[in-house]
């Protein structure tokens, strides 16, 4: 599983130059795209980490809700027993 986005800047620059874009502009475009991909695109590892965090949050919430249900039952039982 790759941790990075694969982007071939040189191939991108060559393609833009063949289409008539000046080299300086082609390089600027390639740098901008490379930077944007590295900063804002989630990798498979990022997604896996989020899935794991959600699984832990669901587990914790389930345990807490179970504890609340048991406490509620105990409180109602004690009211009925002592009340």
PDB file of N, CA and C in Angstrom:
ATOM      1  N   UNK A   1       0.852  -1.172   0.000  1.00  0.00           N
ATOM      2  CA  UNK A   1       0.000   0.000   0.000  1.00  0.00           C
ATOM      3  C   UNK A   1       0.900   1.239   0.000  1.00  0.00           C
ATOM      4  N   UNK A   2       0.674   2.108  -0.927  1.00  0.00           N
ATOM      5  CA  UNK A   2       1.495   3.311  -1.069  1.00  0.00           C
ATOM      6  C   UNK A   2       1.053   4.384  -0.082  1.00  0.00           C
ATOM      7  N   UNK A   3       2.046   5.100   0.459  1.00  0.00           N
ATOM      8  CA  UNK A   3       1.753   6.179   1.401  1.00  0.00           C
ATOM      9  C   UNK A   3       1.730   7.532   0.725  1.00  0.00           C
ATOM     10  N   UNK A   4       2.149   7.593  -0.526  1.00  0.00           N
ATOM     11  CA  UNK A   4       2.241   8.869  -1.215  1.00  0.00           C
ATOM     12  C   UNK A   4       1.480   8.818  -2.530  1.00  0.00           C
ATOM     13  N   UNK A   5       1.165   9.988  -3.017  1.00  0.00           N
ATOM     14  CA  UNK A   5       0.520  10.116  -4.316  1.00  0.00           C
ATOM     15  C   UNK A   5       1.625  10.139  -5.368  1.00  0.00           C
ATOM     16  N   UNK A   6       1.485   9.308  -6.390  1.00  0.00           N
ATOM     17  CA  UNK A   6       2.487   9.284  -7.448  1.00  0.00           C
ATOM     18  C   UNK A   6       2.111  10.310  -8.512  1.00  0.00           C
ATOM     19  N   UNK A   7       2.990  11.267  -8.724  1.00  0.00           N
ATOM     20  CA  UNK A   7       2.782  12.294  -9.732  1.00  0.00           C
ATOM     21  C   UNK A   7       4.115  12.549 -10.407  1.00  0.00           C
ATOM     22  N   UNK A   8       4.208  12.277 -11.682  1.00  0.00           N
ATOM     23  CA  UNK A   8       5.444  12.454 -12.445  1.00  0.00           C
ATOM     24  C   UNK A   8       5.479  13.875 -13.003  1.00  0.00           C
ATOM     25  N   UNK A   9       6.173  14.742 -12.268  1.00  0.00           N
ATOM     26  CA  UNK A   9       6.244  16.146 -12.684  1.00  0.00           C
ATOM     27  C   UNK A   9       6.904  16.309 -14.043  1.00  0.00           C
ATOM     28  N   UNK A  10       7.962  15.556 -14.281  1.00  0.00           N
ATOM     29  CA  UNK A  10       8.677  15.716 -15.550  1.00  0.00           C
ATOM     30  C   UNK A  10       7.807  15.309 -16.737  1.00  0.00           C
ATOM     31  N   UNK A  11       7.056  14.222 -16.603  1.00  0.00           N
ATOM     32  CA  UNK A  11       6.166  13.805 -17.693  1.00  0.00           C
ATOM     33  C   UNK A  11       5.075  14.847 -17.910  1.00  0.00           C
ATOM     34  N   UNK A  12       4.576  15.412 -16.824  1.00  0.00           N
ATOM     35  CA  UNK A  12       3.544  16.442 -16.919  1.00  0.00           C
ATOM     36  C   UNK A  12       4.101  17.694 -17.618  1.00  0.00           C
ATOM     37  N   UNK A  13       5.303  18.090 -17.240  1.00  0.00           N
ATOM     38  CA  UNK A  13       5.936  19.256 -17.863  1.00  0.00           C
ATOM     39  C   UNK A  13       6.136  19.007 -19.354  1.00  0.00           C
ATOM     40  N   UNK A  14       6.646  17.819 -19.690  1.00  0.00           N
ATOM     41  CA  UNK A  14       6.858  17.486 -21.113  1.00  0.00           C
ATOM     42  C   UNK A  14       5.557  17.525 -21.898  1.00  0.00           C
ATOM     43  N   UNK A  15       4.498  17.019 -21.319  1.00  0.00           N
ATOM     44  CA  UNK A  15       3.203  17.023 -22.008  1.00  0.00           C
ATOM     45  C   UNK A  15       2.710  18.445 -22.242  1.00  0.00           C
ATOM     46  N   UNK A  16       2.857  19.305 -21.235  1.00  0.00           N
ATOM     47  CA  UNK A  16       2.440  20.700 -21.402  1.00  0.00           C
ATOM     48  C   UNK A  16       3.289  21.408 -22.460  1.00  0.00           C
ATOM     49  N   UNK A  17       4.582  21.141 -22.449  1.00  0.00           N
ATOM     50  CA  UNK A  17       5.473  21.769 -23.438  1.00  0.00           C
ATOM     51  C   UNK A  17       5.107  21.316 -24.854  1.00  0.00           C
ATOM     52  N   UNK A  18       4.771  20.046 -25.019  1.00  0.00           N
ATOM     53  CA  UNK A  18       4.362  19.558 -26.347  1.00  0.00           C
ATOM     54  C   UNK A  18       3.052  20.208 -26.792  1.00  0.00           C
ATOM     55  N   UNK A  19       2.237  20.617 -25.838  1.00  0.00           N
ATOM     56  CA  UNK A  19       0.976  21.270 -26.174  1.00  0.00           C
ATOM     57  C   UNK A  19       1.145  22.772 -26.409  1.00  0.00           C
ATOM     58  N   UNK A  20       2.384  23.265 -26.273  1.00  0.00           N
ATOM     59  CA  UNK A  20       2.636  24.663 -26.577  1.00  0.00           C
ATOM     60  C   UNK A  20       2.768  25.573 -25.370  1.00  0.00           C
ATOM     61  N   UNK A  21       2.782  25.026 -24.183  1.00  0.00           N
ATOM     62  CA  UNK A  21       2.935  25.838 -22.970  1.00  0.00           C
ATOM     63  C   UNK A  21       4.425  26.098 -22.757  1.00  0.00           C
ATOM     64  N   UNK A  22       4.757  27.323 -22.412  1.00  0.00           N
ATOM     65  CA  UNK A  22       6.158  27.668 -22.160  1.00  0.00           C
ATOM     66  C   UNK A  22       6.681  26.881 -20.965  1.00  0.00           C
ATOM     67  N   UNK A  23       7.976  26.597 -20.987  1.00  0.00           N
ATOM     68  CA  UNK A  23       8.565  25.749 -19.936  1.00  0.00           C
ATOM     69  C   UNK A  23       8.375  26.322 -18.536  1.00  0.00           C
ATOM     70  N   UNK A  24       8.547  27.621 -18.392  1.00  0.00           N
ATOM     71  CA  UNK A  24       8.390  28.235 -17.063  1.00  0.00           C
ATOM     72  C   UNK A  24       6.970  28.043 -16.537  1.00  0.00           C
ATOM     73  N   UNK A  25       5.993  28.229 -17.419  1.00  0.00           N
ATOM     74  CA  UNK A  25       4.601  28.034 -17.003  1.00  0.00           C
ATOM     75  C   UNK A  25       4.327  26.555 -16.708  1.00  0.00           C
ATOM     76  N   UNK A  26       4.871  25.679 -17.541  1.00  0.00           N
ATOM     77  CA  UNK A  26       4.675  24.245 -17.337  1.00  0.00           C
ATOM     78  C   UNK A  26       5.247  23.816 -15.994  1.00  0.00           C
ATOM     79  N   UNK A  27       6.437  24.322 -15.663  1.00  0.00           N
ATOM     80  CA  UNK A  27       7.051  23.982 -14.373  1.00  0.00           C
ATOM     81  C   UNK A  27       6.224  24.526 -13.208  1.00  0.00           C
ATOM     82  N   UNK A  28       5.715  25.727 -13.348  1.00  0.00           N
ATOM     83  CA  UNK A  28       4.884  26.316 -12.287  1.00  0.00           C
ATOM     84  C   UNK A  28       3.619  25.497 -12.074  1.00  0.00           C
ATOM     85  N   UNK A  29       2.986  25.070 -13.165  1.00  0.00           N
ATOM     86  CA  UNK A  29       1.787  24.229 -13.059  1.00  0.00           C
ATOM     87  C   UNK A  29       2.118  22.912 -12.365  1.00  0.00           C
ATOM     88  N   UNK A  30       3.221  22.284 -12.774  1.00  0.00           N
ATOM     89  CA  UNK A  30       3.607  21.000 -12.191  1.00  0.00           C
ATOM     90  C   UNK A  30       3.881  21.134 -10.701  1.00  0.00           C
ATOM     91  N   UNK A  31       4.578  22.181 -10.298  1.00  0.00           N
ATOM     92  CA  UNK A  31       4.866  22.404  -8.875  1.00  0.00           C
ATOM     93  C   UNK A  31       3.575  22.622  -8.089  1.00  0.00           C
ATOM     94  N   UNK A  32       2.656  23.400  -8.661  1.00  0.00           N
ATOM     95  CA  UNK A  32       1.398  23.677  -7.973  1.00  0.00           C
ATOM     96  C   UNK A  32       0.576  22.404  -7.792  1.00  0.00           C
ATOM     97  N   UNK A  33       0.503  21.590  -8.833  1.00  0.00           N
ATOM     98  CA  UNK A  33      -0.259  20.344  -8.727  1.00  0.00           C
ATOM     99  C   UNK A  33       0.396  19.390  -7.741  1.00  0.00           C
ATOM    100  N   UNK A  34       1.722  19.274  -7.805  1.00  0.00           N
ATOM    101  CA  UNK A  34       2.440  18.396  -6.888  1.00  0.00           C
ATOM    102  C   UNK A  34       2.197  18.809  -5.439  1.00  0.00           C
ATOM    103  N   UNK A  35       2.275  20.092  -5.171  1.00  0.00           N
ATOM    104  CA  UNK A  35       2.046  20.600  -3.812  1.00  0.00           C
ATOM    105  C   UNK A  35       0.616  20.357  -3.365  1.00  0.00           C
ATOM    106  N   UNK A  36      -0.352  20.603  -4.243  1.00  0.00           N
ATOM    107  CA  UNK A  36      -1.756  20.397  -3.891  1.00  0.00           C
ATOM    108  C   UNK A  36      -2.044  18.932  -3.592  1.00  0.00           C
ATOM    109  N   UNK A  37      -1.475  18.045  -4.380  1.00  0.00           N
ATOM    110  CA  UNK A  37      -1.698  16.616  -4.148  1.00  0.00           C
ATOM    111  C   UNK A  37      -1.107  16.172  -2.819  1.00  0.00           C
ATOM    112  N   UNK A  38       0.035  16.670  -2.486  1.00  0.00           N
ATOM    113  CA  UNK A  38       0.690  16.263  -1.239  1.00  0.00           C
ATOM    114  C   UNK A  38      -0.018  16.820  -0.014  1.00  0.00           C
ATOM    115  N   UNK A  39      -0.660  17.960  -0.141  1.00  0.00           N
ATOM    116  CA  UNK A  39      -1.284  18.606   1.018  1.00  0.00           C
ATOM    117  C   UNK A  39      -2.742  18.249   1.215  1.00  0.00           C
ATOM    118  N   UNK A  40      -3.467  17.905   0.141  1.00  0.00           N
ATOM    119  CA  UNK A  40      -4.911  17.817   0.312  1.00  0.00           C
ATOM    120  C   UNK A  40      -5.544  16.503  -0.112  1.00  0.00           C
ATOM    121  N   UNK A  41      -4.770  15.540  -0.565  1.00  0.00           N
ATOM    122  CA  UNK A  41      -5.347  14.281  -1.005  1.00  0.00           C
ATOM    123  C   UNK A  41      -5.060  13.214   0.050  1.00  0.00           C
ATOM    124  N   UNK A  42      -6.099  12.517   0.464  1.00  0.00           N
ATOM    125  CA  UNK A  42      -5.934  11.461   1.460  1.00  0.00           C
ATOM    126  C   UNK A  42      -5.370  10.206   0.800  1.00  0.00           C
ATOM    127  N   UNK A  43      -4.421   9.590   1.475  1.00  0.00           N
ATOM    128  CA  UNK A  43      -3.866   8.334   0.994  1.00  0.00           C
ATOM    129  C   UNK A  43      -4.648   7.180   1.600  1.00  0.00           C
ATOM    130  N   UNK A  44      -4.373   5.982   1.129  1.00  0.00           N
ATOM    131  CA  UNK A  44      -5.033   4.799   1.693  1.00  0.00           C
ATOM    132  C   UNK A  44      -4.723   4.679   3.183  1.00  0.00           C
ATOM    133  N   UNK A  45      -3.511   5.013   3.561  1.00  0.00           N
ATOM    134  CA  UNK A  45      -3.147   4.948   4.981  1.00  0.00           C
ATOM    135  C   UNK A  45      -3.958   5.951   5.804  1.00  0.00           C
ATOM    136  N   UNK A  46      -4.162   7.154   5.279  1.00  0.00           N
ATOM    137  CA  UNK A  46      -4.982   8.154   5.975  1.00  0.00           C
ATOM    138  C   UNK A  46      -6.385   7.622   6.210  1.00  0.00           C
ATOM    139  N   UNK A  47      -6.956   7.021   5.184  1.00  0.00           N
ATOM    140  CA  UNK A  47      -8.320   6.493   5.284  1.00  0.00           C
ATOM    141  C   UNK A  47      -8.375   5.348   6.284  1.00  0.00           C
ATOM    142  N   UNK A  48      -7.376   4.488   6.277  1.00  0.00           N
ATOM    143  CA  UNK A  48      -7.327   3.377   7.225  1.00  0.00           C
ATOM    144  C   UNK A  48      -7.249   3.888   8.657  1.00  0.00           C
ATOM    145  N   UNK A  49      -6.447   4.918   8.894  1.00  0.00           N
ATOM    146  CA  UNK A  49      -6.339   5.491  10.238  1.00  0.00           C
ATOM    147  C   UNK A  49      -7.666   6.066  10.706  1.00  0.00           C
ATOM    148  N   UNK A  50      -8.389   6.725   9.817  1.00  0.00           N
ATOM    149  CA  UNK A  50      -9.693   7.286  10.181  1.00  0.00           C
ATOM    150  C   UNK A  50     -10.673   6.161  10.492  1.00  0.00           C
ATOM    151  N   UNK A  51     -10.652   5.095   9.701  1.00  0.00           N
ATOM    152  CA  UNK A  51     -11.531   3.950   9.965  1.00  0.00           C
ATOM    153  C   UNK A  51     -11.253   3.359  11.346  1.00  0.00           C
ATOM    154  N   UNK A  52      -9.982   3.241  11.697  1.00  0.00           N
ATOM    155  CA  UNK A  52      -9.621   2.694  13.003  1.00  0.00           C
ATOM    156  C   UNK A  52     -10.092   3.607  14.132  1.00  0.00           C
ATOM    157  N   UNK A  53      -9.956   4.903  13.947  1.00  0.00           N
ATOM    158  CA  UNK A  53     -10.414   5.854  14.962  1.00  0.00           C
ATOM    159  C   UNK A  53     -11.927   5.766  15.139  1.00  0.00           C
ATOM    160  N   UNK A  54     -12.657   5.632  14.046  1.00  0.00           N
ATOM    161  CA  UNK A  54     -14.116   5.515  14.121  1.00  0.00           C
ATOM    162  C   UNK A  54     -14.500   4.225  14.829  1.00  0.00           C
ATOM    163  N   UNK A  55     -13.814   3.123  14.522  1.00  0.00           N
ATOM    164  CA  UNK A  55     -14.111   1.845  15.170  1.00  0.00           C
ATOM    165  C   UNK A  55     -13.904   1.946  16.680  1.00  0.00           C
ATOM    166  N   UNK A  56     -12.824   2.604  17.099  1.00  0.00           N
ATOM    167  CA  UNK A  56     -12.579   2.778  18.530  1.00  0.00           C
ATOM    168  C   UNK A  56     -13.644   3.664  19.171  1.00  0.00           C
ATOM    169  N   UNK A  57     -14.056   4.706  18.495  1.00  0.00           N
ATOM    170  CA  UNK A  57     -15.081   5.603  19.020  1.00  0.00           C
ATOM    171  C   UNK A  57     -16.414   4.862  19.174  1.00  0.00           C
ATOM    172  N   UNK A  58     -16.766   4.036  18.200  1.00  0.00           N
ATOM    173  CA  UNK A  58     -18.007   3.267  18.279  1.00  0.00           C
ATOM    174  C   UNK A  58     -17.938   2.284  19.435  1.00  0.00           C
ATOM    175  N   UNK A  59     -16.793   1.619  19.602  1.00  0.00           N
ATOM    176  CA  UNK A  59     -16.633   0.679  20.710  1.00  0.00           C
ATOM    177  C   UNK A  59     -16.787   1.395  22.051  1.00  0.00           C
ATOM    178  N   UNK A  60     -16.122   2.535  22.196  1.00  0.00           N
ATOM    179  CA  UNK A  60     -16.209   3.292  23.447  1.00  0.00           C
ATOM    180  C   UNK A  60     -17.637   3.753  23.719  1.00  0.00           C
ATOM    181  N   UNK A  61     -18.309   4.215  22.685  1.00  0.00           N
ATOM    182  CA  UNK A  61     -19.688   4.673  22.846  1.00  0.00           C
ATOM    183  C   UNK A  61     -20.599   3.516  23.243  1.00  0.00           C
ATOM    184  N   UNK A  62     -20.395   2.350  22.656  1.00  0.00           N
ATOM    185  CA  UNK A  62     -21.193   1.178  22.994  1.00  0.00           C
ATOM    186  C   UNK A  62     -20.992   0.797  24.457  1.00  0.00           C
ATOM    187  N   UNK A  63     -19.742   0.813  24.900  1.00  0.00           N
ATOM    188  CA  UNK A  63     -19.463   0.494  26.304  1.00  0.00           C
ATOM    189  C   UNK A  63     -20.112   1.506  27.253  1.00  0.00           C
ATOM    190  N   UNK A  64     -20.027   2.762  26.911  1.00  0.00           N
ATOM    191  CA  UNK A  64     -20.626   3.801  27.767  1.00  0.00           C
ATOM    192  C   UNK A  64     -22.150   3.681  27.813  1.00  0.00           C
ATOM    193  N   UNK A  65     -22.747   3.405  26.667  1.00  0.00           N
ATOM    194  CA  UNK A  65     -24.203   3.258  26.646  1.00  0.00           C
ATOM    195  C   UNK A  65     -24.630   2.036  27.463  1.00  0.00           C
ATOM    196  N   UNK A  66     -23.848   0.962  27.401  1.00  0.00           N
ATOM    197  CA  UNK A  66     -24.127  -0.218  28.219  1.00  0.00           C
ATOM    198  C   UNK A  66     -24.025   0.100  29.696  1.00  0.00           C
ATOM    199  N   UNK A  67     -22.994   0.849  30.067  1.00  0.00           N
ATOM    200  CA  UNK A  67     -22.828   1.236  31.470  1.00  0.00           C
ATOM    201  C   UNK A  67     -23.976   2.123  31.934  1.00  0.00           C
ATOM    202  N   UNK A  68     -24.415   3.017  31.090  1.00  0.00           N
ATOM    203  CA  UNK A  68     -25.556   3.877  31.437  1.00  0.00           C
ATOM    204  C   UNK A  68     -26.817   3.040  31.613  1.00  0.00           C
ATOM    205  N   UNK A  69     -27.032   2.059  30.746  1.00  0.00           N
ATOM    206  CA  UNK A  69     -28.208   1.202  30.851  1.00  0.00           C
ATOM    207  C   UNK A  69     -28.181   0.408  32.151  1.00  0.00           C
ATOM    208  N   UNK A  70     -27.020  -0.106  32.519  1.00  0.00           N
ATOM    209  CA  UNK A  70     -26.903  -0.863  33.777  1.00  0.00           C
ATOM    210  C   UNK A  70     -27.146   0.047  34.975  1.00  0.00           C
ATOM    211  N   UNK A  71     -26.577   1.241  34.961  1.00  0.00           N
ATOM    212  CA  UNK A  71     -26.776   2.186  36.059  1.00  0.00           C
ATOM    213  C   UNK A  71     -28.240   2.587  36.171  1.00  0.00           C
ATOM    214  N   UNK A  72     -28.870   2.786  35.048  1.00  0.00           N
ATOM    215  CA  UNK A  72     -30.295   3.157  35.048  1.00  0.00           C
ATOM    216  C   UNK A  72     -31.143   2.026  35.626  1.00  0.00           C
ATOM    217  N   UNK A  73     -30.855   0.797  35.207  1.00  0.00           N
ATOM    218  CA  UNK A  73     -31.592  -0.351  35.733  1.00  0.00           C
ATOM    219  C   UNK A  73     -31.378  -0.479  37.241  1.00  0.00           C
ATOM    220  N   UNK A  74     -30.127  -0.278  37.684  1.00  0.00           N
ATOM    221  CA  UNK A  74     -29.828  -0.366  39.116  1.00  0.00           C
ATOM    222  C   UNK A  74     -30.572   0.720  39.891  1.00  0.00           C
ATOM    223  N   UNK A  75     -30.611   1.918  39.364  1.00  0.00           N
ATOM    224  CA  UNK A  75     -31.302   3.018  40.035  1.00  0.00           C
ATOM    225  C   UNK A  75     -32.798   2.744  40.124  1.00  0.00           C
ATOM    226  N   UNK A  76     -33.393   2.293  39.028  1.00  0.00           N
ATOM    227  CA  UNK A  76     -34.831   2.002  39.041  1.00  0.00           C
ATOM    228  C   UNK A  76     -35.152   0.836  39.963  1.00  0.00           C
ATOM    229  N   UNK A  77     -34.265  -0.158  39.988  1.00  0.00           N
ATOM    230  CA  UNK A  77     -34.478  -1.312  40.867  1.00  0.00           C
ATOM    231  C   UNK A  77     -34.391  -0.902  42.321  1.00  0.00           C
ATOM    232  N   UNK A  78     -33.430  -0.040  42.654  1.00  0.00           N
ATOM    233  CA  UNK A  78     -33.291   0.393  44.045  1.00  0.00           C
ATOM    234  C   UNK A  78     -34.478   1.247  44.466  1.00  0.00           C
ATOM    235  N   UNK A  79     -35.012   2.051  43.549  1.00  0.00           N
ATOM    236  CA  UNK A  79     -36.204   2.849  43.869  1.00  0.00           C
ATOM    237  C   UNK A  79     -37.372   1.928  44.147  1.00  0.00           C
ATOM    238  N   UNK A  80     -37.540   0.903  43.327  1.00  0.00           N
ATOM    239  CA  UNK A  80     -38.656  -0.026  43.515  1.00  0.00           C
ATOM    240  C   UNK A  80     -38.459  -0.828  44.808  1.00  0.00           C
ATOM    241  N   UNK A  81     -37.214  -1.246  45.078  1.00  0.00           N
ATOM    242  CA  UNK A  81     -36.947  -2.076  46.240  1.00  0.00           C
ATOM    243  C   UNK A  81     -37.058  -1.274  47.539  1.00  0.00           C
ATOM    244  N   UNK A  82     -36.488  -0.054  47.558  1.00  0.00           N
ATOM    245  CA  UNK A  82     -36.478   0.741  48.789  1.00  0.00           C
ATOM    246  C   UNK A  82     -37.634   1.734  48.875  1.00  0.00           C
ATOM    247  N   UNK A  83     -38.317   1.921  47.755  1.00  0.00           N
ATOM    248  CA  UNK A  83     -39.344   2.958  47.732  1.00  0.00           C
ATOM    249  C   UNK A  83     -40.696   2.519  48.046  1.00  0.00           C
TER     250      UNK A  83
END
